[in-house]
Amino acid sequence: MPGHRFFYSAEEIEPLGEHEERPGGARVLVAGIGNVFLGDDGFGVEVARHLAAGPPVPEADVVDFGIRGMDLAYALQRAYAGVIFVDAAPRGHAPGTLTVLEPDLPGDAPAGGPVEWPVEGPVEGPVEGPVEGPVEGPVEGPVEGHGMDPVSVLRLARRMGRLPARVRVVCCEPVTVEEALFELSEPVHAMVGAAAGLVKCLVMEMIAENAGPGSRDPLPR
């Protein structure tokens, strides 16, 4: 099947708002990711839409990135104090279980090296189910611009030169992410509101912790 490749500069990506580069003002990027045509894989997108439909989350930019991994990696080049990914991820728990992960991506680790996922907990907020770990996963191979998971996005952003200092992943245990379904399963849909509340708690936590450097920038090459 013929295809097309597109190349964009950071300036060509749609702006996220007027506050990203505000001097002395820390903001957090909340990134809903996933494919809405694959059932529960659209969980992160639904949480982002839920947050966007309500009152603004203080000091946060909430964006539905879907499968636009390249756009998300470019967004991470802005002066964010932290990023919260919201995604569906099978981890062997009961469907609908929310888990909070803190990826460990050392600044001196070689690109393409392993990324460890130790879990920081307990987390205050409306979270149900276990919060446990660690989980390790290799980060290797070519970078894809679409359908990227949080690890791949972080690897690409690091290659570009900048990562926020604080990264969290709020993931929900799916029923299925492989079937052509256009809505979330019942147990996963029931956790959208709880995940949104948890994200708000994590945003406040990140802002409160922002006494130190705001990014891992510059990064070793």
C-alpha atoms as a PDB file:
ATOM      1  CA  MET A   1       0.000   0.000   0.000  1.00  0.00           C
ATOM      2  CA  PRO A   2       1.515   3.395  -0.947  1.00  0.00           C
ATOM      3  CA  GLY A   3       2.185   5.744   1.900  1.00  0.00           C
ATOM      4  CA  HIS A   4       3.315   9.253   2.630  1.00  0.00           C
ATOM      5  CA  ARG A   5       5.800  10.614   5.117  1.00  0.00           C
ATOM      6  CA  PHE A   6       5.409  14.065   6.611  1.00  0.00           C
ATOM      7  CA  PHE A   7       8.003  16.109   8.446  1.00  0.00           C
ATOM      8  CA  TYR A   8       7.173  18.956  10.811  1.00  0.00           C
ATOM      9  CA  SER A   9       9.152  21.485  12.772  1.00  0.00           C
ATOM     10  CA  ALA A  10       8.214  22.365  16.347  1.00  0.00           C
ATOM     11  CA  GLU A  11       6.810  25.691  15.138  1.00  0.00           C
ATOM     12  CA  GLU A  12       4.330  23.927  12.832  1.00  0.00           C
ATOM     13  CA  ILE A  13       2.665  21.915  15.593  1.00  0.00           C
ATOM     14  CA  GLU A  14      -0.626  23.341  16.837  1.00  0.00           C
ATOM     15  CA  PRO A  15      -0.055  25.486  19.959  1.00  0.00           C
ATOM     16  CA  LEU A  16      -1.389  24.080  23.221  1.00  0.00           C
ATOM     17  CA  GLY A  17      -2.090  27.414  24.848  1.00  0.00           C
ATOM     18  CA  GLU A  18      -0.612  30.728  25.839  1.00  0.00           C
ATOM     19  CA  HIS A  19       1.048  29.606  29.071  1.00  0.00           C
ATOM     20  CA  GLU A  20       3.655  27.031  28.027  1.00  0.00           C
ATOM     21  CA  GLU A  21       6.615  29.384  28.133  1.00  0.00           C
ATOM     22  CA  ARG A  22       5.397  31.656  30.925  1.00  0.00           C
ATOM     23  CA  PRO A  23       8.449  32.777  32.940  1.00  0.00           C
ATOM     24  CA  GLY A  24       8.404  31.373  36.463  1.00  0.00           C
ATOM     25  CA  GLY A  25       5.054  29.654  35.901  1.00  0.00           C
ATOM     26  CA  ALA A  26       5.075  25.880  36.155  1.00  0.00           C
ATOM     27  CA  ARG A  27       2.477  23.986  34.120  1.00  0.00           C
ATOM     28  CA  VAL A  28       1.736  20.318  33.676  1.00  0.00           C
ATOM     29  CA  LEU A  29       0.781  18.618  30.414  1.00  0.00           C
ATOM     30  CA  VAL A  30      -1.984  16.016  30.735  1.00  0.00           C
ATOM     31  CA  ALA A  31      -1.812  13.799  27.645  1.00  0.00           C
ATOM     32  CA  GLY A  32      -4.669  11.455  26.808  1.00  0.00           C
ATOM     33  CA  ILE A  33      -3.364   8.816  24.419  1.00  0.00           C
ATOM     34  CA  GLY A  34      -4.824   5.792  22.653  1.00  0.00           C
ATOM     35  CA  ASN A  35      -6.830   4.627  19.655  1.00  0.00           C
ATOM     36  CA  VAL A  36     -10.579   5.214  19.999  1.00  0.00           C
ATOM     37  CA  PHE A  37     -11.246   2.571  17.325  1.00  0.00           C
ATOM     38  CA  LEU A  38      -9.772  -0.203  19.484  1.00  0.00           C
ATOM     39  CA  GLY A  39     -12.222  -0.332  22.360  1.00  0.00           C
ATOM     40  CA  ASP A  40     -10.578   0.235  25.727  1.00  0.00           C
ATOM     41  CA  ASP A  41      -7.426   1.598  24.094  1.00  0.00           C
ATOM     42  CA  GLY A  42      -9.348   4.879  23.879  1.00  0.00           C
ATOM     43  CA  PHE A  43      -9.423   5.220  27.675  1.00  0.00           C
ATOM     44  CA  GLY A  44      -6.846   8.026  27.813  1.00  0.00           C
ATOM     45  CA  VAL A  45      -8.714   9.975  25.152  1.00  0.00           C
ATOM     46  CA  GLU A  46     -11.981   9.677  27.098  1.00  0.00           C
ATOM     47  CA  VAL A  47     -10.336  10.882  30.311  1.00  0.00           C
ATOM     48  CA  ALA A  48      -8.854  13.891  28.490  1.00  0.00           C
ATOM     49  CA  ARG A  49     -12.269  14.726  27.030  1.00  0.00           C
ATOM     50  CA  HIS A  50     -13.889  14.344  30.458  1.00  0.00           C
ATOM     51  CA  LEU A  51     -11.392  16.775  31.977  1.00  0.00           C
ATOM     52  CA  ALA A  52     -11.714  19.228  29.088  1.00  0.00           C
ATOM     53  CA  ALA A  53     -15.510  19.265  29.436  1.00  0.00           C
ATOM     54  CA  GLY A  54     -15.342  20.281  33.097  1.00  0.00           C
ATOM     55  CA  PRO A  55     -13.838  23.250  34.931  1.00  0.00           C
ATOM     56  CA  PRO A  56     -10.273  24.046  33.820  1.00  0.00           C
ATOM     57  CA  VAL A  57      -7.612  22.100  35.700  1.00  0.00           C
ATOM     58  CA  PRO A  58      -5.427  24.769  37.375  1.00  0.00           C
ATOM     59  CA  GLU A  59      -1.913  25.041  35.935  1.00  0.00           C
ATOM     60  CA  ALA A  60      -2.504  22.226  33.437  1.00  0.00           C
ATOM     61  CA  ASP A  61      -2.951  21.833  29.689  1.00  0.00           C
ATOM     62  CA  VAL A  62      -5.242  18.877  28.955  1.00  0.00           C
ATOM     63  CA  VAL A  63      -4.833  17.552  25.410  1.00  0.00           C
ATOM     64  CA  ASP A  64      -6.339  14.596  23.557  1.00  0.00           C
ATOM     65  CA  PHE A  65      -3.336  13.364  21.560  1.00  0.00           C
ATOM     66  CA  GLY A  66      -4.915  10.090  20.461  1.00  0.00           C
ATOM     67  CA  ILE A  67      -2.273   8.301  18.375  1.00  0.00           C
ATOM     68  CA  ARG A  68      -0.342  11.481  17.482  1.00  0.00           C
ATOM     69  CA  GLY A  69       2.858  10.409  19.188  1.00  0.00           C
ATOM     70  CA  MET A  70       5.041  12.785  17.196  1.00  0.00           C
ATOM     71  CA  ASP A  71       2.935  15.786  18.189  1.00  0.00           C
ATOM     72  CA  LEU A  72       3.185  14.708  21.816  1.00  0.00           C
ATOM     73  CA  ALA A  73       6.966  14.382  21.635  1.00  0.00           C
ATOM     74  CA  TYR A  74       7.172  17.898  20.184  1.00  0.00           C
ATOM     75  CA  ALA A  75       4.876  19.201  22.936  1.00  0.00           C
ATOM     76  CA  LEU A  76       7.281  17.819  25.536  1.00  0.00           C
ATOM     77  CA  GLN A  77       9.956  20.168  24.182  1.00  0.00           C
ATOM     78  CA  ARG A  78       8.044  23.079  25.731  1.00  0.00           C
ATOM     79  CA  ALA A  79       8.711  24.342  29.242  1.00  0.00           C
ATOM     80  CA  TYR A  80       6.468  21.964  31.165  1.00  0.00           C
ATOM     81  CA  ALA A  81       7.256  21.108  34.763  1.00  0.00           C
ATOM     82  CA  GLY A  82       5.728  17.669  34.300  1.00  0.00           C
ATOM     83  CA  VAL A  83       3.641  15.401  32.119  1.00  0.00           C
ATOM     84  CA  ILE A  84       0.901  12.931  33.007  1.00  0.00           C
ATOM     85  CA  PHE A  85       0.134  10.273  30.413  1.00  0.00           C
ATOM     86  CA  VAL A  86      -3.303   8.651  30.593  1.00  0.00           C
ATOM     87  CA  ASP A  87      -3.500   5.340  28.776  1.00  0.00           C
ATOM     88  CA  ALA A  88      -4.861   1.803  28.798  1.00  0.00           C
ATOM     89  CA  ALA A  89      -2.297  -0.856  29.674  1.00  0.00           C
ATOM     90  CA  PRO A  90      -2.751  -4.577  30.364  1.00  0.00           C
ATOM     91  CA  ARG A  91      -0.930  -5.430  33.599  1.00  0.00           C
ATOM     92  CA  GLY A  92      -2.743  -8.562  34.696  1.00  0.00           C
ATOM     93  CA  HIS A  93      -5.225  -6.898  37.056  1.00  0.00           C
ATOM     94  CA  ALA A  94      -9.003  -6.881  37.049  1.00  0.00           C
ATOM     95  CA  PRO A  95     -10.504  -4.791  34.220  1.00  0.00           C
ATOM     96  CA  GLY A  96     -10.941  -1.189  35.321  1.00  0.00           C
ATOM     97  CA  THR A  97      -8.032  -1.236  37.785  1.00  0.00           C
ATOM     98  CA  LEU A  98      -6.155   2.085  37.853  1.00  0.00           C
ATOM     99  CA  THR A  99      -2.397   2.036  38.307  1.00  0.00           C
ATOM    100  CA  VAL A 100       0.008   4.964  38.663  1.00  0.00           C
ATOM    101  CA  LEU A 101       3.527   4.483  37.311  1.00  0.00           C
ATOM    102  CA  GLU A 102       6.597   6.674  37.554  1.00  0.00           C
ATOM    103  CA  PRO A 103       9.000   5.887  34.722  1.00  0.00           C
ATOM    104  CA  ASP A 104      12.684   6.141  35.529  1.00  0.00           C
ATOM    105  CA  LEU A 105      14.508   7.563  32.516  1.00  0.00           C
ATOM    106  CA  PRO A 106      18.030   8.527  33.669  1.00  0.00           C
ATOM    107  CA  GLY A 107      19.537  11.491  31.875  1.00  0.00           C
ATOM    108  CA  ASP A 108      22.752   9.585  31.229  1.00  0.00           C
ATOM    109  CA  ALA A 109      21.095   6.393  29.940  1.00  0.00           C
ATOM    110  CA  PRO A 110      21.870   5.663  26.288  1.00  0.00           C
ATOM    111  CA  ALA A 111      19.020   6.157  23.845  1.00  0.00           C
ATOM    112  CA  GLY A 112      17.432   2.803  23.140  1.00  0.00           C
ATOM    113  CA  GLY A 113      18.391   1.392  26.537  1.00  0.00           C
ATOM    114  CA  PRO A 114      16.028  -0.207  29.035  1.00  0.00           C
ATOM    115  CA  VAL A 115      13.506   1.928  30.869  1.00  0.00           C
ATOM    116  CA  GLU A 116      12.396   0.806  34.336  1.00  0.00           C
ATOM    117  CA  TRP A 117       8.922   1.518  35.646  1.00  0.00           C
ATOM    118  CA  PRO A 118       9.092   1.667  39.449  1.00  0.00           C
ATOM    119  CA  VAL A 119       5.771   2.615  40.991  1.00  0.00           C
ATOM    120  CA  GLU A 120       5.467   5.407  43.510  1.00  0.00           C
ATOM    121  CA  GLY A 121       2.607   4.991  45.940  1.00  0.00           C
ATOM    122  CA  PRO A 122       0.306   5.149  47.649  1.00  0.00           C
ATOM    123  CA  VAL A 123      -1.267   7.993  45.711  1.00  0.00           C
ATOM    124  CA  GLU A 124      -3.902  10.161  47.344  1.00  0.00           C
ATOM    125  CA  GLY A 125      -7.061  10.375  45.287  1.00  0.00           C
ATOM    126  CA  PRO A 126      -9.958   8.310  43.961  1.00  0.00           C
ATOM    127  CA  VAL A 127      -7.907   5.342  42.812  1.00  0.00           C
ATOM    128  CA  GLU A 128      -9.100   1.759  43.042  1.00  0.00           C
ATOM    129  CA  GLY A 129      -7.109  -1.422  42.794  1.00  0.00           C
ATOM    130  CA  PRO A 130      -3.440  -2.205  43.391  1.00  0.00           C
ATOM    131  CA  VAL A 131      -0.584   0.197  42.783  1.00  0.00           C
ATOM    132  CA  GLU A 132       2.427  -2.003  42.407  1.00  0.00           C
ATOM    133  CA  GLY A 133       5.548  -2.773  40.370  1.00  0.00           C
ATOM    134  CA  PRO A 134       8.276  -2.601  39.173  1.00  0.00           C
ATOM    135  CA  VAL A 135       7.960  -3.510  35.509  1.00  0.00           C
ATOM    136  CA  GLU A 136      10.800  -3.332  33.028  1.00  0.00           C
ATOM    137  CA  GLY A 137      10.600  -3.032  29.273  1.00  0.00           C
ATOM    138  CA  PRO A 138      13.211  -2.568  26.542  1.00  0.00           C
ATOM    139  CA  VAL A 139      13.049   0.561  24.436  1.00  0.00           C
ATOM    140  CA  GLU A 140      14.485  -0.466  21.114  1.00  0.00           C
ATOM    141  CA  GLY A 141      13.810  -0.288  17.410  1.00  0.00           C
ATOM    142  CA  PRO A 142      12.659   2.493  15.094  1.00  0.00           C
ATOM    143  CA  VAL A 143      10.442   5.301  16.321  1.00  0.00           C
ATOM    144  CA  GLU A 144       6.904   5.383  14.932  1.00  0.00           C
ATOM    145  CA  GLY A 145       4.985   8.653  14.705  1.00  0.00           C
ATOM    146  CA  HIS A 146       1.598   7.074  15.390  1.00  0.00           C
ATOM    147  CA  GLY A 147       0.344   4.651  17.994  1.00  0.00           C
ATOM    148  CA  MET A 148       3.266   5.273  20.340  1.00  0.00           C
ATOM    149  CA  ASP A 149       3.116   4.174  23.956  1.00  0.00           C
ATOM    150  CA  PRO A 150       4.461   6.411  26.779  1.00  0.00           C
ATOM    151  CA  VAL A 151       7.894   4.736  26.757  1.00  0.00           C
ATOM    152  CA  SER A 152       8.332   5.322  23.028  1.00  0.00           C
ATOM    153  CA  VAL A 153       7.179   8.941  23.320  1.00  0.00           C
ATOM    154  CA  LEU A 154       9.651   9.584  26.140  1.00  0.00           C
ATOM    155  CA  ARG A 155      12.463   8.014  24.144  1.00  0.00           C
ATOM    156  CA  LEU A 156      11.671  10.196  21.128  1.00  0.00           C
ATOM    157  CA  ALA A 157      11.348  13.341  23.255  1.00  0.00           C
ATOM    158  CA  ARG A 158      14.688  12.592  24.838  1.00  0.00           C
ATOM    159  CA  ARG A 159      16.302  12.277  21.415  1.00  0.00           C
ATOM    160  CA  MET A 160      14.863  15.674  20.555  1.00  0.00           C
ATOM    161  CA  GLY A 161      16.623  17.118  23.590  1.00  0.00           C
ATOM    162  CA  ARG A 162      14.176  17.713  26.427  1.00  0.00           C
ATOM    163  CA  LEU A 163      12.054  15.869  28.984  1.00  0.00           C
ATOM    164  CA  PRO A 164       9.952  17.281  31.816  1.00  0.00           C
ATOM    165  CA  ALA A 165      11.472  16.531  35.199  1.00  0.00           C
ATOM    166  CA  ARG A 166       8.336  14.800  36.458  1.00  0.00           C
ATOM    167  CA  VAL A 167       6.537  12.051  34.569  1.00  0.00           C
ATOM    168  CA  ARG A 168       3.589   9.935  35.689  1.00  0.00           C
ATOM    169  CA  VAL A 169       1.487   7.391  33.823  1.00  0.00           C
ATOM    170  CA  VAL A 170      -2.109   6.765  34.875  1.00  0.00           C
ATOM    171  CA  CYS A 171      -3.140   3.519  33.218  1.00  0.00           C
ATOM    172  CA  CYS A 172      -6.313   1.473  33.302  1.00  0.00           C
ATOM    173  CA  GLU A 173      -6.546  -2.299  32.931  1.00  0.00           C
ATOM    174  CA  PRO A 174      -8.516  -2.933  29.714  1.00  0.00           C
ATOM    175  CA  VAL A 175     -10.866  -5.735  28.760  1.00  0.00           C
ATOM    176  CA  THR A 176      -9.585  -5.654  25.183  1.00  0.00           C
ATOM    177  CA  VAL A 177      -7.546  -3.310  22.987  1.00  0.00           C
ATOM    178  CA  GLU A 178      -7.440  -5.462  19.862  1.00  0.00           C
ATOM    179  CA  GLU A 179     -11.011  -5.524  18.578  1.00  0.00           C
ATOM    180  CA  ALA A 180     -12.574  -2.906  16.306  1.00  0.00           C
ATOM    181  CA  LEU A 181     -14.870  -1.479  18.964  1.00  0.00           C
ATOM    182  CA  PHE A 182     -15.907   2.155  19.131  1.00  0.00           C
ATOM    183  CA  GLU A 183     -16.687   2.454  22.837  1.00  0.00           C
ATOM    184  CA  LEU A 184     -15.138   1.537  26.153  1.00  0.00           C
ATOM    185  CA  SER A 185     -16.130  -1.614  27.987  1.00  0.00           C
ATOM    186  CA  GLU A 186     -18.360  -1.139  31.025  1.00  0.00           C
ATOM    187  CA  PRO A 187     -15.684  -1.634  33.745  1.00  0.00           C
ATOM    188  CA  VAL A 188     -13.255   0.702  31.980  1.00  0.00           C
ATOM    189  CA  HIS A 189     -15.852   3.377  31.224  1.00  0.00           C
ATOM    190  CA  ALA A 190     -16.862   3.328  34.898  1.00  0.00           C
ATOM    191  CA  MET A 191     -13.343   4.467  35.859  1.00  0.00           C
ATOM    192  CA  VAL A 192     -13.132   7.541  33.600  1.00  0.00           C
ATOM    193  CA  GLY A 193     -14.344   9.906  36.325  1.00  0.00           C
ATOM    194  CA  ALA A 194     -12.102   8.332  38.969  1.00  0.00           C
ATOM    195  CA  ALA A 195      -9.085   8.626  36.677  1.00  0.00           C
ATOM    196  CA  ALA A 196      -9.896  12.284  36.010  1.00  0.00           C
ATOM    197  CA  GLY A 197      -9.976  12.952  39.746  1.00  0.00           C
ATOM    198  CA  LEU A 198      -6.679  11.141  40.187  1.00  0.00           C
ATOM    199  CA  VAL A 199      -5.091  13.202  37.410  1.00  0.00           C
ATOM    200  CA  LYS A 200      -6.146  16.412  39.181  1.00  0.00           C
ATOM    201  CA  CYS A 201      -4.469  15.188  42.376  1.00  0.00           C
ATOM    202  CA  LEU A 202      -1.276  14.368  40.484  1.00  0.00           C
ATOM    203  CA  VAL A 203      -1.250  17.793  38.810  1.00  0.00           C
ATOM    204  CA  MET A 204      -1.441  19.503  42.208  1.00  0.00           C
ATOM    205  CA  GLU A 205       1.308  17.229  43.499  1.00  0.00           C
ATOM    206  CA  MET A 206       3.594  18.083  40.581  1.00  0.00           C
ATOM    207  CA  ILE A 207       3.018  21.813  40.928  1.00  0.00           C
ATOM    208  CA  ALA A 208       3.759  21.611  44.657  1.00  0.00           C
ATOM    209  CA  GLU A 209       6.990  19.707  43.956  1.00  0.00           C
ATOM    210  CA  ASN A 210       8.191  22.226  41.399  1.00  0.00           C
ATOM    211  CA  ALA A 211      10.743  23.876  43.658  1.00  0.00           C
ATOM    212  CA  GLY A 212      13.621  22.320  41.717  1.00  0.00           C
ATOM    213  CA  PRO A 213      14.665  22.369  38.051  1.00  0.00           C
ATOM    214  CA  GLY A 214      11.768  22.278  35.619  1.00  0.00           C
ATOM    215  CA  SER A 215      13.236  19.894  33.066  1.00  0.00           C
ATOM    216  CA  ARG A 216      15.977  17.466  32.224  1.00  0.00           C
ATOM    217  CA  ASP A 217      17.435  19.946  29.788  1.00  0.00           C
ATOM    218  CA  PRO A 218      19.907  19.789  28.149  1.00  0.00           C
ATOM    219  CA  LEU A 219      20.354  16.030  27.824  1.00  0.00           C
ATOM    220  CA  PRO A 220      23.577  14.185  27.064  1.00  0.00           C
ATOM    221  CA  ARG A 221      23.982  13.156  23.463  1.00  0.00           C
END
